[in-house]
Amino acid sequence: MITSRMLLVAALCVIFASQAQAHFLFARIRPPAEGGRFAEVYFSDEADAGDPRFIDKVAPTKLWLQTKPGAFDALTVHQTSDRLRALVPGQGAVGVIGEFTYGILARPKQPAFLLRHYPKAVAGSASDIAAFRAKPEIPFEIVMRSVDGALEFTVLRDGKPVPLAAFDAVSGQAKGHAFKADKEGKARWKPDVPGHCSVYTGQTLQQAGMHDGKKYDEIREFATIGFAWPLESSGADANAVKLFQEAMSERAAWTKFPGFSGDVEAQADGRRWKGSFTMSAKGDVSIDLDDDVLVAPWVKEQLESIALHRLDRAQSKDPVLQFADHDTRHPLGRLLLFEGGQFASSYRVKDRQIMVVNRLLGKVNMTITVLDNDLNADKKFLPRSYTIHYWNAKTGVLERTETNQNRWTRVGSWDLPAHVSVAATSSSGQSVKSMTISQHRLAK
């Protein structure tokens, strides 16, 4: 039986990123966005995209979550087209560690070996990350902490540091940077530029055995750790704030709105209702003929929501926003994180428009995705069609989807609602509600 001392002096086997065919199991904690916050795992030679050819092979990967030092909870892992995903808490420090046994590989004129991967990712403050503990059941794991403005890495074999371990850093910004641990197993490295980074190392154990009825001559194991650099950011990013405020200024707003009234015809799943309403200059709505317990309250709710989003309200202070990542080519725009406020929110902005709004609402994660906007007479944007998705914040299960259609009519200097329809789809089926407004009358 191999001893701990023999393991410590086992030959290090590191495959550098310059070898295009080398695949590793990389993990990454994504920022809060559509559907919540996720840990993603990629099997690839890239640290931020998976190789779809092997996704079925690596699907059995197991992941555990650590939010409190030393406490590990199993995560539910979902397979997508090129990566594995697991929902993690939307706020606070997060650590994810995984384990996957690839199987036995036998190459010509080389010993057959058992291949194992141990992906890991961390997110949070330097102190929170330093407080995380190695998982005792994981035999080969990288731990990381911040020291004097740099990062210190140690690879543990059965909980003990491996001296002179060789590491490689891979990312879009720092691909192929190699560094080495000292005799105590500690290695320091500081990324040159902001962005997502992954560090990995490997070890070959001269240990024969059997796996799934096949014999192997040695074991090759690889450990990775993914993180964002810098580890934490605070305060506003002037460019992010500018991008957001520009998009806000391009929205059609009701300036010096006097209020208005109108007639409405509405229906909800076959229930029809006619009535009239009045909206005050502050957006308060009163229904004049409230004789329906289902449709009339929905009409009132929709009108109040429209007023909430259209009324021109001065902001009490500048928003505190940061860029969530360095992806400038996302189809729906740059992802911005909002600091503070009642809800944990993020936005996507593109072409002077807010295209996505994400909110973590306790038990539910909500995402609004704009499909199409109209330009009004003032060349400002009005929502035309958008979807709203609601996910269970604990399980990640999609609970409901709403498809919304808005149409507008110009009355004086204001664009007032003319038609609203909402098709809500869930496991119980589809519900369709709509209302058409006529006889718009501005208040004097």
Protein backbone atom coordinates (compact mmCIF):
# COMPACT_ATOMS: atom_id res chain seq x y z
CA MET A 1 0.00 0.00 0.00
CA ILE A 2 1.33 3.43 -0.93
CA THR A 3 2.32 5.68 2.01
CA SER A 4 1.70 9.39 2.49
CA ARG A 5 5.42 10.04 2.14
CA MET A 6 5.52 8.21 -1.17
CA LEU A 7 2.58 10.25 -2.40
CA LEU A 8 4.28 13.51 -1.49
CA VAL A 9 7.31 12.67 -3.59
CA ALA A 10 5.30 11.27 -6.50
CA ALA A 11 6.20 12.72 -9.86
CA LEU A 12 4.29 15.88 -10.69
CA CYS A 13 2.51 15.73 -13.99
CA VAL A 14 1.34 19.11 -15.30
CA ILE A 15 0.00 19.58 -18.82
CA PHE A 16 0.30 23.24 -19.83
CA ALA A 17 -2.40 25.21 -21.62
CA SER A 18 -0.22 25.55 -24.72
CA GLN A 19 -1.05 21.91 -25.50
CA ALA A 20 -4.29 22.43 -27.37
CA GLN A 21 -5.55 18.87 -26.86
CA ALA A 22 -5.27 18.97 -23.05
CA HIS A 23 -8.73 18.96 -21.46
CA PHE A 24 -9.37 19.76 -17.81
CA LEU A 25 -12.47 20.07 -15.68
CA PHE A 26 -12.76 23.81 -14.92
CA ALA A 27 -15.31 25.33 -12.53
CA ARG A 28 -16.56 28.89 -12.36
CA ILE A 29 -18.98 30.86 -10.16
CA ARG A 30 -21.05 33.10 -12.41
CA PRO A 31 -22.39 36.48 -11.20
CA PRO A 32 -26.12 36.74 -10.41
CA ALA A 33 -27.90 36.90 -13.75
CA GLU A 34 -30.73 35.15 -15.61
CA GLY A 35 -32.36 32.59 -13.33
CA GLY A 36 -30.09 33.35 -10.38
CA ARG A 37 -26.46 32.57 -9.65
CA PHE A 38 -24.85 29.42 -10.98
CA ALA A 39 -21.69 27.38 -10.71
CA GLU A 40 -20.64 26.08 -14.13
CA VAL A 41 -18.24 23.26 -14.98
CA TYR A 42 -16.51 22.94 -18.35
CA PHE A 43 -14.50 20.02 -19.69
CA SER A 44 -12.24 21.72 -22.19
CA ASP A 45 -8.87 23.29 -22.88
CA GLU A 46 -10.60 26.64 -22.19
CA ALA A 47 -11.52 27.91 -18.76
CA ASP A 48 -14.86 29.46 -19.75
CA ALA A 49 -16.43 27.18 -22.39
CA GLY A 50 -16.99 23.43 -22.54
CA ASP A 51 -16.33 20.90 -25.28
CA PRO A 52 -19.77 19.55 -26.28
CA ARG A 53 -18.23 16.29 -27.54
CA PHE A 54 -17.58 15.19 -23.96
CA ILE A 55 -20.56 16.60 -22.08
CA ASP A 56 -22.29 13.22 -21.77
CA LYS A 57 -19.06 11.70 -20.48
CA VAL A 58 -18.56 14.24 -17.66
CA ALA A 59 -22.27 14.48 -16.72
CA PRO A 60 -21.80 12.23 -13.61
CA THR A 61 -19.57 14.91 -12.00
CA LYS A 62 -20.51 15.49 -8.36
CA LEU A 63 -20.45 18.98 -6.84
CA TRP A 64 -20.60 20.20 -3.24
CA LEU A 65 -21.36 23.72 -1.98
CA GLN A 66 -19.55 25.48 0.87
CA THR A 67 -20.93 28.73 2.23
CA LYS A 68 -19.82 28.20 5.84
CA PRO A 69 -16.28 26.99 6.54
CA GLY A 70 -16.17 23.19 6.62
CA ALA A 71 -19.89 22.65 5.88
CA PHE A 72 -20.54 20.94 2.53
CA ASP A 73 -23.91 20.37 0.85
CA ALA A 74 -24.44 18.30 -2.29
CA LEU A 75 -25.57 20.31 -5.31
CA THR A 76 -28.04 19.26 -7.99
CA VAL A 77 -26.11 19.23 -11.26
CA HIS A 78 -27.83 19.90 -14.59
CA GLN A 79 -26.38 19.03 -17.98
CA THR A 80 -26.60 21.55 -20.83
CA SER A 81 -25.22 21.44 -24.37
CA ASP A 82 -21.59 22.10 -23.40
CA ARG A 83 -21.40 22.52 -19.59
CA LEU A 84 -22.77 21.45 -16.25
CA ARG A 85 -24.68 23.92 -14.11
CA ALA A 86 -25.71 24.05 -10.46
CA LEU A 87 -27.70 26.75 -8.69
CA VAL A 88 -25.88 28.42 -5.78
CA PRO A 89 -26.98 31.16 -3.34
CA GLY A 90 -27.45 34.52 -5.02
CA GLN A 91 -25.46 36.49 -2.45
CA GLY A 92 -22.50 35.96 -0.17
CA ALA A 93 -19.30 33.94 -0.42
CA VAL A 94 -19.51 30.65 -2.29
CA GLY A 95 -17.14 27.72 -2.72
CA VAL A 96 -17.83 24.74 -4.99
CA ILE A 97 -15.72 21.57 -5.14
CA GLY A 98 -16.28 18.61 -7.44
CA GLU A 99 -15.12 15.08 -8.21
CA PHE A 100 -15.19 13.09 -11.42
CA THR A 101 -13.55 9.82 -12.36
CA TYR A 102 -13.12 9.83 -16.12
CA GLY A 103 -12.08 6.20 -16.36
CA ILE A 104 -9.11 4.27 -17.75
CA LEU A 105 -7.16 5.51 -20.75
CA ALA A 106 -4.70 3.25 -22.58
CA ARG A 107 -2.45 4.76 -25.24
CA PRO A 108 0.03 2.88 -27.47
CA LYS A 109 3.32 2.08 -25.74
CA GLN A 110 2.21 3.90 -22.58
CA PRO A 111 0.97 2.60 -19.24
CA ALA A 112 -2.80 2.43 -18.80
CA PHE A 113 -3.90 5.06 -16.31
CA LEU A 114 -6.96 5.96 -14.27
CA LEU A 115 -7.92 9.61 -14.83
CA ARG A 116 -9.56 11.71 -12.10
CA HIS A 117 -10.53 15.39 -11.96
CA TYR A 118 -11.24 17.67 -8.99
CA PRO A 119 -12.70 21.02 -10.18
CA LYS A 120 -13.15 23.89 -7.74
CA ALA A 121 -14.32 27.51 -7.81
CA VAL A 122 -14.57 30.24 -5.18
CA ALA A 123 -16.21 33.67 -5.03
CA GLY A 124 -16.34 36.22 -2.23
CA SER A 125 -14.10 38.43 -0.16
CA ALA A 126 -10.47 37.51 0.48
CA SER A 127 -11.24 36.75 4.13
CA ASP A 128 -14.24 34.56 3.25
CA ILE A 129 -12.23 32.58 0.69
CA ALA A 130 -9.35 32.12 3.13
CA ALA A 131 -11.81 30.77 5.71
CA PHE A 132 -13.07 28.01 3.40
CA ARG A 133 -11.83 24.52 4.25
CA ALA A 134 -10.64 21.68 2.06
CA LYS A 135 -13.13 18.82 1.72
CA PRO A 136 -11.68 15.83 3.62
CA GLU A 137 -13.03 13.30 1.10
CA ILE A 138 -11.28 15.02 -1.83
CA PRO A 139 -7.70 13.63 -2.02
CA PHE A 140 -6.26 16.27 -4.34
CA GLU A 141 -7.37 19.90 -3.97
CA ILE A 142 -6.03 23.42 -4.49
CA VAL A 143 -6.57 25.93 -1.69
CA MET A 144 -6.07 29.65 -2.17
CA ARG A 145 -5.73 32.78 -0.05
CA SER A 146 -4.77 36.42 -0.53
CA VAL A 147 -1.32 37.44 0.78
CA ASP A 148 0.21 40.91 0.39
CA GLY A 149 -1.90 41.77 -2.64
CA ALA A 150 -1.10 38.52 -4.45
CA LEU A 151 -2.61 35.02 -4.33
CA GLU A 152 -1.05 32.07 -2.56
CA PHE A 153 -1.83 28.58 -3.85
CA THR A 154 -1.24 25.26 -2.15
CA VAL A 155 -2.16 21.88 -3.54
CA LEU A 156 -3.08 19.33 -0.89
CA ARG A 157 -2.62 15.58 -1.16
CA ASP A 158 -4.78 13.98 1.52
CA GLY A 159 -4.71 17.27 3.43
CA LYS A 160 -0.94 17.80 3.27
CA PRO A 161 0.90 20.32 1.04
CA VAL A 162 2.75 18.96 -2.00
CA PRO A 163 6.27 20.50 -2.18
CA LEU A 164 7.48 21.99 -5.48
CA ALA A 165 4.08 21.55 -7.13
CA ALA A 166 3.85 23.11 -10.58
CA PHE A 167 0.84 25.26 -11.51
CA ASP A 168 -0.50 26.78 -14.69
CA ALA A 169 -2.91 29.75 -14.95
CA VAL A 170 -5.36 29.86 -17.83
CA SER A 171 -7.91 32.46 -18.85
CA GLY A 172 -8.67 34.75 -21.72
CA GLN A 173 -6.21 37.24 -20.26
CA ALA A 174 -3.47 35.12 -18.68
CA LYS A 175 -3.28 31.92 -20.70
CA GLY A 176 -0.28 29.69 -20.15
CA HIS A 177 1.34 31.42 -17.18
CA ALA A 178 3.33 28.83 -15.22
CA PHE A 179 4.57 29.12 -11.64
CA LYS A 180 5.89 26.75 -9.00
CA ALA A 181 5.52 26.09 -5.27
CA ASP A 182 8.39 26.20 -2.80
CA LYS A 183 9.53 23.33 -0.56
CA GLU A 184 6.63 24.05 1.79
CA GLY A 185 4.14 23.70 -1.05
CA LYS A 186 3.26 27.40 -1.30
CA ALA A 187 3.19 29.25 -4.61
CA ARG A 188 2.38 32.93 -5.26
CA TRP A 189 0.94 34.50 -8.36
CA LYS A 190 -0.87 37.75 -9.12
CA PRO A 191 -2.96 38.12 -12.28
CA ASP A 192 -1.86 41.01 -14.48
CA VAL A 193 -5.35 42.12 -15.55
CA PRO A 194 -8.92 41.79 -14.22
CA GLY A 195 -11.07 38.89 -15.32
CA HIS A 196 -11.84 35.27 -14.70
CA CYS A 197 -8.85 33.01 -14.01
CA SER A 198 -8.34 29.30 -13.49
CA VAL A 199 -5.29 27.66 -11.99
CA TYR A 200 -4.59 23.95 -12.29
CA THR A 201 -2.03 21.31 -11.41
CA GLY A 202 -1.65 17.56 -11.79
CA GLN A 203 0.02 14.55 -10.24
CA THR A 204 0.81 11.00 -11.35
CA LEU A 205 0.66 8.28 -8.70
CA GLN A 206 2.58 5.08 -9.33
CA GLN A 207 -0.28 2.95 -8.08
CA ALA A 208 -1.85 0.05 -9.98
CA GLY A 209 -5.38 -1.22 -9.50
CA MET A 210 -8.71 -2.14 -11.07
CA HIS A 211 -11.60 0.09 -12.15
CA ASP A 212 -14.84 -1.17 -13.68
CA GLY A 213 -13.21 -4.51 -14.29
CA LYS A 214 -10.20 -3.04 -16.12
CA LYS A 215 -6.62 -2.88 -14.95
CA TYR A 216 -4.57 0.31 -14.73
CA ASP A 217 -0.88 0.86 -13.98
CA GLU A 218 -1.01 4.37 -12.53
CA ILE A 219 -3.37 7.18 -11.50
CA ARG A 220 -3.33 10.66 -12.99
CA GLU A 221 -5.22 13.35 -11.12
CA PHE A 222 -5.83 17.00 -11.91
CA ALA A 223 -7.13 19.77 -9.64
CA THR A 224 -8.36 23.19 -10.78
CA ILE A 225 -9.58 26.33 -9.04
CA GLY A 226 -11.50 29.18 -10.70
CA PHE A 227 -11.98 32.71 -9.38
CA ALA A 228 -12.52 36.31 -10.46
CA TRP A 229 -9.73 38.85 -10.20
CA PRO A 230 -9.81 41.04 -8.26
CA LEU A 231 -11.53 38.85 -5.68
CA GLU A 232 -13.92 41.63 -4.68
CA SER A 233 -14.91 45.06 -5.93
CA SER A 234 -16.74 47.87 -4.17
CA GLY A 235 -18.06 51.24 -5.16
CA ALA A 236 -19.37 52.39 -8.50
CA ASP A 237 -17.72 51.92 -11.86
CA ALA A 238 -18.15 55.24 -13.69
CA ASN A 239 -18.46 53.54 -17.09
CA ALA A 240 -21.09 51.11 -15.82
CA VAL A 241 -23.09 53.95 -14.25
CA LYS A 242 -22.85 55.97 -17.46
CA LEU A 243 -24.08 53.03 -19.56
CA PHE A 244 -27.05 52.48 -17.26
CA GLN A 245 -28.02 56.13 -16.93
CA GLU A 246 -27.85 56.61 -20.69
CA ALA A 247 -30.29 53.72 -21.15
CA MET A 248 -32.58 55.15 -18.48
CA SER A 249 -32.60 58.55 -20.19
CA GLU A 250 -33.64 56.92 -23.48
CA ARG A 251 -36.82 55.46 -22.00
CA ALA A 252 -40.09 57.21 -22.79
CA ALA A 253 -41.27 58.92 -19.62
CA TRP A 254 -44.39 60.77 -18.55
CA THR A 255 -43.03 64.24 -17.76
CA LYS A 256 -45.47 66.65 -16.07
CA PHE A 257 -48.11 63.96 -16.40
CA PRO A 258 -51.63 65.28 -15.61
CA GLY A 259 -53.31 61.90 -15.24
CA PHE A 260 -56.00 60.46 -17.51
CA SER A 261 -59.11 58.33 -17.65
CA GLY A 262 -60.49 55.90 -20.18
CA ASP A 263 -62.80 53.03 -21.01
CA VAL A 264 -61.55 49.47 -20.93
CA GLU A 265 -62.64 46.11 -22.30
CA ALA A 266 -60.82 43.18 -20.75
CA GLN A 267 -60.94 39.42 -20.55
CA ALA A 268 -59.22 36.70 -18.59
CA ASP A 269 -59.53 33.09 -19.74
CA GLY A 270 -62.99 33.73 -21.20
CA ARG A 271 -64.26 36.05 -18.45
CA ARG A 272 -65.17 39.38 -20.03
CA TRP A 273 -65.47 42.74 -18.33
CA LYS A 274 -66.18 46.33 -19.37
CA GLY A 275 -65.62 49.40 -17.27
CA SER A 276 -63.81 52.67 -16.88
CA PHE A 277 -60.95 53.93 -14.78
CA THR A 278 -59.14 57.06 -13.66
CA MET A 279 -55.38 57.41 -13.16
CA SER A 280 -54.11 60.32 -11.10
CA ALA A 281 -51.02 62.38 -11.86
CA LYS A 282 -49.18 60.27 -9.25
CA GLY A 283 -50.20 56.99 -10.88
CA ASP A 284 -52.99 56.01 -8.46
CA VAL A 285 -55.72 54.03 -10.25
CA SER A 286 -59.39 53.75 -9.36
CA ILE A 287 -61.79 51.41 -11.15
CA ASP A 288 -65.23 52.95 -11.60
CA LEU A 289 -67.15 49.72 -12.23
CA ASP A 290 -65.51 47.14 -9.98
CA ASP A 291 -68.05 44.31 -10.32
CA ASP A 292 -65.66 41.51 -11.25
CA VAL A 293 -63.44 39.84 -8.64
CA LEU A 294 -60.95 38.53 -11.22
CA VAL A 295 -60.61 40.79 -14.26
CA ALA A 296 -61.03 44.24 -12.68
CA PRO A 297 -58.22 43.74 -10.10
CA TRP A 298 -55.93 42.56 -12.89
CA VAL A 299 -56.74 45.68 -14.94
CA LYS A 300 -55.95 47.88 -11.95
CA GLU A 301 -52.68 46.03 -11.33
CA GLN A 302 -51.56 46.43 -14.96
CA LEU A 303 -52.37 50.14 -15.07
CA GLU A 304 -50.51 50.79 -11.82
CA SER A 305 -47.49 48.88 -13.13
CA ILE A 306 -47.48 50.95 -16.33
CA ALA A 307 -47.63 54.18 -14.31
CA LEU A 308 -44.80 52.98 -12.07
CA HIS A 309 -42.51 52.44 -15.06
CA ARG A 310 -43.52 55.50 -17.10
CA LEU A 311 -43.77 58.30 -14.52
CA ASP A 312 -40.75 60.59 -14.61
CA ARG A 313 -39.24 60.36 -11.14
CA ALA A 314 -35.99 62.04 -10.21
CA GLN A 315 -33.39 59.71 -8.68
CA SER A 316 -32.39 60.64 -5.15
CA LYS A 317 -28.78 59.59 -5.78
CA ASP A 318 -26.61 58.03 -8.43
CA PRO A 319 -26.89 54.23 -8.63
CA VAL A 320 -23.91 52.13 -7.55
CA LEU A 321 -23.24 49.83 -10.49
CA GLN A 322 -20.36 47.64 -11.60
CA PHE A 323 -19.68 45.50 -14.63
CA ALA A 324 -20.37 41.91 -13.57
CA ASP A 325 -17.87 40.42 -16.01
CA HIS A 326 -15.74 41.27 -19.02
CA ASP A 327 -18.04 39.82 -21.67
CA THR A 328 -18.61 42.64 -24.15
CA ARG A 329 -20.20 40.44 -26.83
CA HIS A 330 -23.22 38.96 -25.07
CA PRO A 331 -26.23 39.11 -27.46
CA LEU A 332 -28.31 40.93 -24.84
CA GLY A 333 -25.60 43.36 -23.71
CA ARG A 334 -23.20 44.08 -20.85
CA LEU A 335 -24.17 42.65 -17.48
CA LEU A 336 -24.30 45.28 -14.71
CA LEU A 337 -24.57 44.51 -11.00
CA PHE A 338 -26.54 46.91 -8.80
CA GLU A 339 -25.21 47.46 -5.28
CA GLY A 340 -27.79 48.10 -2.57
CA GLY A 341 -31.52 48.56 -2.99
CA GLN A 342 -34.41 46.37 -1.88
CA PHE A 343 -33.60 43.50 -4.24
CA ALA A 344 -30.38 41.97 -5.52
CA SER A 345 -30.53 43.13 -9.14
CA SER A 346 -28.56 42.97 -12.32
CA TYR A 347 -29.20 44.42 -15.76
CA ARG A 348 -28.10 43.96 -19.34
CA VAL A 349 -27.72 47.09 -21.47
CA LYS A 350 -27.29 47.19 -25.24
CA ASP A 351 -27.79 49.90 -27.87
CA ARG A 352 -28.95 52.45 -25.27
CA GLN A 353 -31.66 50.05 -24.03
CA ILE A 354 -32.13 48.01 -20.88
CA MET A 355 -32.62 44.58 -22.42
CA VAL A 356 -32.71 42.41 -19.26
CA VAL A 357 -33.67 42.97 -15.64
CA ASN A 358 -32.79 40.25 -13.10
CA ARG A 359 -34.08 40.27 -9.54
CA LEU A 360 -33.66 37.85 -6.66
CA LEU A 361 -36.93 38.07 -4.73
CA GLY A 362 -36.34 35.69 -1.87
CA LYS A 363 -38.24 32.55 -2.86
CA VAL A 364 -38.27 33.48 -6.55
CA ASN A 365 -35.68 34.61 -9.09
CA MET A 366 -37.22 36.79 -11.80
CA THR A 367 -35.87 37.77 -15.23
CA ILE A 368 -37.46 40.28 -17.61
CA THR A 369 -36.15 39.99 -21.17
CA VAL A 370 -37.05 42.66 -23.72
CA LEU A 371 -37.90 41.25 -27.14
CA ASP A 372 -38.84 44.44 -28.95
CA ASN A 373 -39.21 48.18 -28.27
CA ASP A 374 -41.04 50.94 -30.10
CA LEU A 375 -39.71 54.45 -30.76
CA ASN A 376 -42.17 57.20 -29.93
CA ALA A 377 -42.45 60.65 -31.52
CA ASP A 378 -39.64 61.89 -29.28
CA LYS A 379 -37.34 59.03 -30.38
CA LYS A 380 -37.57 57.44 -26.96
CA PHE A 381 -38.08 53.73 -26.31
CA LEU A 382 -41.40 52.18 -25.30
CA PRO A 383 -41.77 48.49 -24.43
CA ARG A 384 -43.58 46.52 -27.11
CA SER A 385 -42.99 42.87 -26.20
CA TYR A 386 -41.08 41.16 -23.41
CA THR A 387 -41.02 37.95 -21.40
CA ILE A 388 -40.85 37.38 -17.66
CA HIS A 389 -39.47 34.14 -16.23
CA TYR A 390 -39.92 33.03 -12.62
CA TRP A 391 -37.60 30.39 -11.15
CA ASN A 392 -37.77 28.71 -7.76
CA ALA A 393 -34.82 30.26 -5.90
CA LYS A 394 -34.08 27.06 -3.99
CA THR A 395 -34.39 24.41 -6.70
CA GLY A 396 -33.86 26.45 -9.86
CA VAL A 397 -37.03 24.99 -11.38
CA LEU A 398 -38.78 27.25 -13.90
CA GLU A 399 -42.22 27.86 -12.39
CA ARG A 400 -43.87 30.30 -14.78
CA THR A 401 -43.27 32.25 -17.98
CA GLU A 402 -45.20 35.34 -19.07
CA THR A 403 -45.25 36.78 -22.58
CA ASN A 404 -46.29 40.45 -22.53
CA GLN A 405 -47.47 42.66 -25.40
CA ASN A 406 -47.94 46.43 -25.04
CA ARG A 407 -49.38 48.90 -27.56
CA TRP A 408 -49.50 52.69 -27.15
CA THR A 409 -51.36 55.72 -28.42
CA ARG A 410 -50.14 59.32 -28.44
CA VAL A 411 -52.34 61.78 -26.60
CA GLY A 412 -50.91 65.26 -26.28
CA SER A 413 -47.29 64.86 -25.12
CA TRP A 414 -47.76 61.43 -23.56
CA ASP A 415 -47.80 57.85 -24.83
CA LEU A 416 -50.71 56.15 -23.11
CA PRO A 417 -51.52 52.40 -23.02
CA ALA A 418 -53.88 51.22 -25.74
CA HIS A 419 -53.61 47.44 -25.41
CA VAL A 420 -52.02 44.99 -22.98
CA SER A 421 -51.93 41.21 -23.20
CA VAL A 422 -50.24 38.68 -20.92
CA ALA A 423 -49.96 34.96 -21.69
CA ALA A 424 -48.77 33.09 -18.59
CA THR A 425 -47.58 29.49 -18.97
CA SER A 426 -46.87 27.10 -16.12
CA SER A 427 -47.18 23.41 -15.31
CA SER A 428 -50.92 23.90 -14.87
CA GLY A 429 -51.36 25.19 -18.44
CA GLN A 430 -51.70 28.61 -20.03
CA SER A 431 -53.68 31.63 -18.90
CA VAL A 432 -54.32 34.58 -21.24
CA LYS A 433 -55.45 38.01 -20.07
CA SER A 434 -55.83 41.16 -22.17
CA MET A 435 -57.31 44.64 -22.06
CA THR A 436 -58.01 47.30 -24.68
CA ILE A 437 -58.30 50.94 -23.65
CA SER A 438 -60.27 53.55 -25.57
CA GLN A 439 -61.62 57.07 -25.08
CA HIS A 440 -58.38 58.36 -23.50
CA ARG A 441 -59.15 61.60 -21.67
CA LEU A 442 -56.38 63.71 -20.18
CA ALA A 443 -57.11 65.28 -16.82
CA LYS A 444 -57.35 69.04 -16.79
